[in-house]
């Protein structure tokens, strides 16, 4: 049987990635220590790997495809094919940011102030490329973790990953500049892309993942309304496209349904009710294919 091998990120993104695959229709099972979890699709095998390594293994054909942050693809300089962007992180839908951070009382105010300074980071190649682009020479050392505690005693500045900046603030650090913003990408090897069967399978998986992701912040609204109030109700409904409107068996009544952002539902339901809508139902979605 033909198969594709997909690498998924082990660690902070693992749980949210499993949840996304579940909404896309794929159930992944395996203990937290297992690097070879099972999936309920006989044409797919899963491998768990560190995000930092993923793009290298895909580029070199050891995996057909993988999910990791755009930042690690950049850091590795990997030549791969993007299947889709998946703008999620471990806690939020904000991008993760690689930021230059220094103690609150530091004199460093911009990248130019790093000349001759010492910087600790996990993304050495990202920082070195950024310094070169800005014409600055500084010493960059690899950090094995707990990067925030290394300033000011061991280094002058750090470049670290953050979503909200709260951890940096808690350690009395301020953000000076953002080097790079990153979201996860689903991507594949060029050889896999050129294989007809693998390409077709990967495109189907990408479609389902993207549909599951797009559905996360949307709901289906269904309601009934009399003909005299129909146009007012339609004007209140934001939609991917025009809402679906069907006549009911009761004369002069219509059923209306549409997909809307969950964030606006609490605002528009009272307005819909005030403009004659009845039987309003909000339904969670697993997938939205635009």
Protein backbone atom coordinates (compact mmCIF):
# COMPACT_ATOMS: atom_id res chain seq x y z
CA UNK A 1 0.00 0.00 0.00
CA UNK A 2 1.22 3.47 -0.83
CA UNK A 3 1.88 5.75 2.13
CA UNK A 4 2.98 9.25 2.97
CA UNK A 5 5.06 9.96 6.08
CA UNK A 6 4.22 13.18 7.89
CA UNK A 7 6.28 14.70 10.68
CA UNK A 8 4.40 16.49 13.46
CA UNK A 9 5.99 18.81 16.05
CA UNK A 10 6.80 17.30 19.42
CA UNK A 11 6.50 19.63 22.39
CA UNK A 12 4.57 22.88 22.72
CA UNK A 13 2.65 22.55 19.44
CA UNK A 14 1.89 18.83 19.77
CA UNK A 15 -1.46 19.07 21.56
CA UNK A 16 -2.86 21.83 19.35
CA UNK A 17 -1.67 19.98 16.22
CA UNK A 18 -3.41 16.76 17.32
CA UNK A 19 -6.59 18.77 17.97
CA UNK A 20 -6.42 20.32 14.50
CA UNK A 21 -6.00 16.90 12.86
CA UNK A 22 -8.98 15.65 14.90
CA UNK A 23 -11.19 18.44 13.55
CA UNK A 24 -9.91 17.67 10.07
CA UNK A 25 -11.15 14.08 10.49
CA UNK A 26 -7.96 12.29 11.54
CA UNK A 27 -7.60 10.68 14.98
CA UNK A 28 -4.02 10.36 16.20
CA UNK A 29 -3.28 8.06 19.13
CA UNK A 30 -0.10 7.37 21.06
CA UNK A 31 1.42 7.95 24.48
CA UNK A 32 3.23 11.18 25.25
CA UNK A 33 6.56 9.36 24.94
CA UNK A 34 5.78 7.63 21.65
CA UNK A 35 7.54 8.99 18.58
CA UNK A 36 5.46 6.79 16.27
CA UNK A 37 1.80 7.55 17.04
CA UNK A 38 -0.93 5.84 15.06
CA UNK A 39 -3.46 7.57 12.81
CA UNK A 40 -6.76 6.23 11.49
CA UNK A 41 -5.71 6.50 7.85
CA UNK A 42 -3.85 3.54 6.37
CA UNK A 43 -2.18 5.79 3.79
CA UNK A 44 -0.49 8.00 6.41
CA UNK A 45 2.31 7.36 8.90
CA UNK A 46 3.15 9.87 11.63
CA UNK A 47 6.51 10.71 13.18
CA UNK A 48 7.01 13.07 16.11
CA UNK A 49 10.10 15.27 15.87
CA UNK A 50 11.43 18.49 17.32
CA UNK A 51 10.20 21.52 15.40
CA UNK A 52 13.76 22.74 14.93
CA UNK A 53 14.72 19.65 12.90
CA UNK A 54 11.56 19.09 10.86
CA UNK A 55 12.32 21.02 7.68
CA UNK A 56 15.75 19.39 7.24
CA UNK A 57 14.27 15.89 7.35
CA UNK A 58 11.54 16.89 4.89
CA UNK A 59 13.96 18.61 2.52
CA UNK A 60 16.22 15.55 2.46
CA UNK A 61 13.31 13.15 1.80
CA UNK A 62 13.33 11.32 5.13
CA UNK A 63 9.79 12.62 5.57
CA UNK A 64 7.31 13.38 2.80
CA UNK A 65 5.82 16.32 4.67
CA UNK A 66 5.80 18.05 8.01
CA UNK A 67 4.45 20.84 10.16
CA UNK A 68 6.75 23.34 11.80
CA UNK A 69 7.11 27.07 12.21
CA UNK A 70 8.15 29.28 9.32
CA UNK A 71 10.99 30.45 11.57
CA UNK A 72 12.66 27.04 11.67
CA UNK A 73 12.34 26.63 7.90
CA UNK A 74 14.13 29.99 7.57
CA UNK A 75 16.70 29.05 10.19
CA UNK A 76 17.55 25.82 8.36
CA UNK A 77 17.46 27.45 4.92
CA UNK A 78 15.29 24.55 3.75
CA UNK A 79 14.03 24.38 0.16
CA UNK A 80 10.54 22.89 0.54
CA UNK A 81 7.04 23.28 -0.95
CA UNK A 82 4.42 25.06 1.20
CA UNK A 83 1.06 23.26 1.18
CA UNK A 84 -0.77 25.67 3.48
CA UNK A 85 -0.25 28.14 6.31
CA UNK A 86 -1.81 27.28 9.68
CA UNK A 87 -1.85 30.37 11.87
CA UNK A 88 -1.98 28.73 15.29
CA UNK A 89 0.45 28.54 18.19
CA UNK A 90 0.54 26.72 21.50
CA UNK A 91 -1.93 29.06 23.26
CA UNK A 92 -3.28 31.66 20.85
CA UNK A 93 -3.74 32.55 17.19
CA UNK A 94 -1.08 35.21 17.51
CA UNK A 95 2.15 34.66 15.58
CA UNK A 96 5.18 33.69 17.60
CA UNK A 97 7.79 36.41 17.40
CA UNK A 98 11.56 36.30 17.58
CA UNK A 99 12.37 39.44 19.54
CA UNK A 100 15.46 41.24 20.75
CA UNK A 101 15.07 41.78 24.50
CA UNK A 102 17.26 43.54 27.06
CA UNK A 103 17.01 44.48 30.76
CA UNK A 104 14.71 47.44 31.40
CA UNK A 105 17.69 49.65 32.34
CA UNK A 106 19.86 48.67 29.35
CA UNK A 107 21.22 51.37 27.04
CA UNK A 108 20.44 49.21 23.98
CA UNK A 109 17.66 50.88 21.97
CA UNK A 110 18.09 49.38 18.48
CA UNK A 111 20.00 46.78 16.51
CA UNK A 112 22.80 49.30 15.90
CA UNK A 113 23.54 49.36 19.65
CA UNK A 114 24.47 45.66 19.51
CA UNK A 115 27.84 46.37 17.85
CA UNK A 116 30.47 44.40 19.79
CA UNK A 117 27.88 43.03 22.23
CA UNK A 118 27.09 39.43 23.21
CA UNK A 119 23.69 37.85 22.44
CA UNK A 120 22.22 34.53 23.61
CA UNK A 121 19.57 32.75 21.52
CA UNK A 122 18.30 29.36 20.38
CA UNK A 123 18.01 30.68 16.81
CA UNK A 124 21.67 31.41 16.09
CA UNK A 125 21.33 31.42 12.30
CA UNK A 126 18.25 33.69 12.46
CA UNK A 127 20.12 36.24 14.57
CA UNK A 128 23.33 36.06 12.55
CA UNK A 129 21.42 36.66 9.32
CA UNK A 130 19.57 39.60 10.91
CA UNK A 131 22.78 41.19 12.19
CA UNK A 132 24.41 40.80 8.78
CA UNK A 133 21.43 42.46 7.08
CA UNK A 134 21.82 45.40 9.46
CA UNK A 135 25.62 45.63 9.12
CA UNK A 136 26.22 44.88 12.80
CA UNK A 137 28.95 42.65 14.22
CA UNK A 138 28.19 40.97 17.53
CA UNK A 139 28.91 37.67 19.25
CA UNK A 140 25.99 35.21 19.10
CA UNK A 141 25.98 32.17 21.38
CA UNK A 142 23.55 29.26 21.42
CA UNK A 143 21.22 29.07 24.41
CA UNK A 144 20.04 25.69 25.62
CA UNK A 145 17.06 27.20 27.43
CA UNK A 146 16.08 29.59 30.24
CA UNK A 147 17.40 32.32 27.99
CA UNK A 148 15.74 35.12 30.00
CA UNK A 149 18.00 34.60 33.03
CA UNK A 150 21.22 35.11 31.07
CA UNK A 151 20.97 38.90 30.92
CA UNK A 152 22.70 40.97 32.15
CA UNK A 153 25.15 38.67 33.99
CA UNK A 154 26.24 36.52 31.03
CA UNK A 155 25.18 38.38 27.89
CA UNK A 156 24.13 41.89 26.91
CA UNK A 157 20.92 40.89 25.15
CA UNK A 158 18.84 37.90 24.14
CA UNK A 159 16.75 36.95 21.13
CA UNK A 160 13.87 34.76 22.24
CA UNK A 161 10.51 33.46 21.06
CA UNK A 162 7.36 34.99 22.51
CA UNK A 163 3.63 35.08 21.82
CA UNK A 164 2.48 37.75 24.25
CA UNK A 165 5.71 39.06 25.82
CA UNK A 166 4.42 38.28 29.32
CA UNK A 167 7.34 36.02 30.27
CA UNK A 168 9.85 38.66 29.21
CA UNK A 169 8.08 41.35 31.20
CA UNK A 170 7.95 39.05 34.23
CA UNK A 171 11.75 38.81 34.03
CA UNK A 172 12.17 42.61 33.87
CA UNK A 173 13.04 42.60 30.18
CA UNK A 174 11.79 44.91 27.45
CA UNK A 175 11.40 44.16 23.76
CA UNK A 176 13.59 46.31 21.52
CA UNK A 177 12.79 44.93 18.05
CA UNK A 178 11.03 42.04 16.32
CA UNK A 179 13.30 40.04 14.02
CA UNK A 180 10.75 37.61 12.59
CA UNK A 181 7.11 36.60 12.92
CA UNK A 182 6.20 32.97 12.42
CA UNK A 183 3.19 30.69 12.02
CA UNK A 184 3.26 26.92 11.47
CA UNK A 185 3.32 25.69 7.90
CA UNK A 186 2.31 22.37 6.41
CA UNK A 187 4.94 21.69 3.76
CA UNK A 188 6.42 18.84 1.76
CA UNK A 189 9.57 17.68 0.04
CA UNK A 190 10.04 18.53 -3.63
CA UNK A 191 10.28 14.82 -4.48
CA UNK A 192 6.93 14.16 -2.77
CA UNK A 193 5.38 17.07 -4.66
CA UNK A 194 6.57 15.66 -7.97
CA UNK A 195 5.10 12.21 -7.19
CA UNK A 196 1.54 12.23 -8.55
CA UNK A 197 -0.03 10.00 -5.89
CA UNK A 198 1.74 11.67 -2.95
CA UNK A 199 0.92 15.14 -4.25
CA UNK A 200 -2.78 14.27 -4.53
CA UNK A 201 -2.85 12.80 -1.02
CA UNK A 202 -0.99 15.75 0.49
CA UNK A 203 -3.31 18.25 -1.21
CA UNK A 204 -6.33 16.44 0.26
CA UNK A 205 -4.81 16.51 3.76
CA UNK A 206 -3.91 20.19 3.34
CA UNK A 207 -7.47 21.02 2.25
CA UNK A 208 -8.94 19.30 5.32
CA UNK A 209 -6.45 20.88 7.71
CA UNK A 210 -7.09 24.33 6.29
CA UNK A 211 -10.86 23.77 6.42
CA UNK A 212 -10.61 22.69 10.07
CA UNK A 213 -8.48 25.69 10.90
CA UNK A 214 -10.81 28.12 9.12
CA UNK A 215 -13.78 26.69 11.07
CA UNK A 216 -12.25 27.27 14.51
CA UNK A 217 -13.56 30.82 14.94
CA UNK A 218 -16.78 30.46 12.94
CA UNK A 219 -20.28 29.19 13.67
CA UNK A 220 -23.40 28.43 11.66
CA UNK A 221 -26.37 30.64 12.48
CA UNK A 222 -29.85 29.39 11.59
CA UNK A 223 -33.05 31.37 12.13
CA UNK A 224 -36.61 31.87 10.92
CA UNK A 225 -38.09 35.21 9.89
CA UNK A 226 -41.27 36.58 8.37
CA UNK A 227 -41.11 37.96 4.84
CA UNK A 228 -41.62 41.54 6.01
CA UNK A 229 -38.46 41.40 8.16
CA UNK A 230 -36.32 39.33 5.80
CA UNK A 231 -34.29 42.16 4.24
CA UNK A 232 -33.55 43.79 7.61
CA UNK A 233 -32.30 40.48 8.98
CA UNK A 234 -30.15 39.79 5.89
CA UNK A 235 -28.49 43.20 6.27
CA UNK A 236 -27.44 42.30 9.83
CA UNK A 237 -25.74 39.06 8.80
CA UNK A 238 -22.04 39.13 7.89
CA UNK A 239 -21.32 36.07 5.78
CA UNK A 240 -18.73 34.26 3.72
CA UNK A 241 -21.20 34.66 0.87
CA UNK A 242 -24.84 35.72 0.72
CA UNK A 243 -26.90 33.88 3.35
CA UNK A 244 -28.94 30.87 2.30
CA UNK A 245 -32.67 31.67 2.30
CA UNK A 246 -35.42 29.06 1.88
CA UNK A 247 -39.22 29.30 2.07
CA UNK A 248 -40.90 27.46 4.95
CA UNK A 249 -44.15 25.57 4.63
CA UNK A 250 -45.80 28.27 6.74
CA UNK A 251 -46.86 31.01 4.33
CA UNK A 252 -44.77 34.17 4.53
CA UNK A 253 -41.95 32.64 6.58
CA UNK A 254 -38.33 31.97 5.57
CA UNK A 255 -35.43 29.95 6.98
CA UNK A 256 -32.09 31.74 6.88
CA UNK A 257 -28.64 30.28 7.56
CA UNK A 258 -25.12 31.59 7.23
CA UNK A 259 -21.57 31.13 8.55
CA UNK A 260 -20.32 34.00 10.69
CA UNK A 261 -17.36 34.80 12.94
CA UNK A 262 -18.05 33.58 16.47
CA UNK A 263 -16.78 36.90 17.85
CA UNK A 264 -19.74 38.83 16.39
CA UNK A 265 -22.51 36.44 17.45
CA UNK A 266 -23.06 38.01 20.86
CA UNK A 267 -23.52 41.39 19.18
CA UNK A 268 -25.87 40.41 16.37
CA UNK A 269 -28.18 37.87 18.05
CA UNK A 270 -29.98 40.55 20.11
CA UNK A 271 -30.24 42.70 16.97
CA UNK A 272 -31.60 39.78 14.96
CA UNK A 273 -34.16 39.06 17.65
CA UNK A 274 -35.12 42.74 17.76
CA UNK A 275 -35.70 42.74 14.02
CA UNK A 276 -38.07 39.80 13.95
CA UNK A 277 -35.81 36.73 13.83
CA UNK A 278 -37.09 33.67 15.70
CA UNK A 279 -35.77 30.19 16.47
CA UNK A 280 -32.15 31.38 16.35
CA UNK A 281 -29.67 28.50 16.61
CA UNK A 282 -25.86 28.71 16.85
CA UNK A 283 -23.94 25.59 15.73
CA UNK A 284 -20.22 24.92 16.10
CA UNK A 285 -18.35 23.86 12.95
CA UNK A 286 -15.56 21.36 12.28
CA UNK A 287 -14.68 22.43 8.75
CA UNK A 288 -15.28 25.37 6.44
CA UNK A 289 -14.23 24.93 2.81
CA UNK A 290 -14.40 28.32 1.09
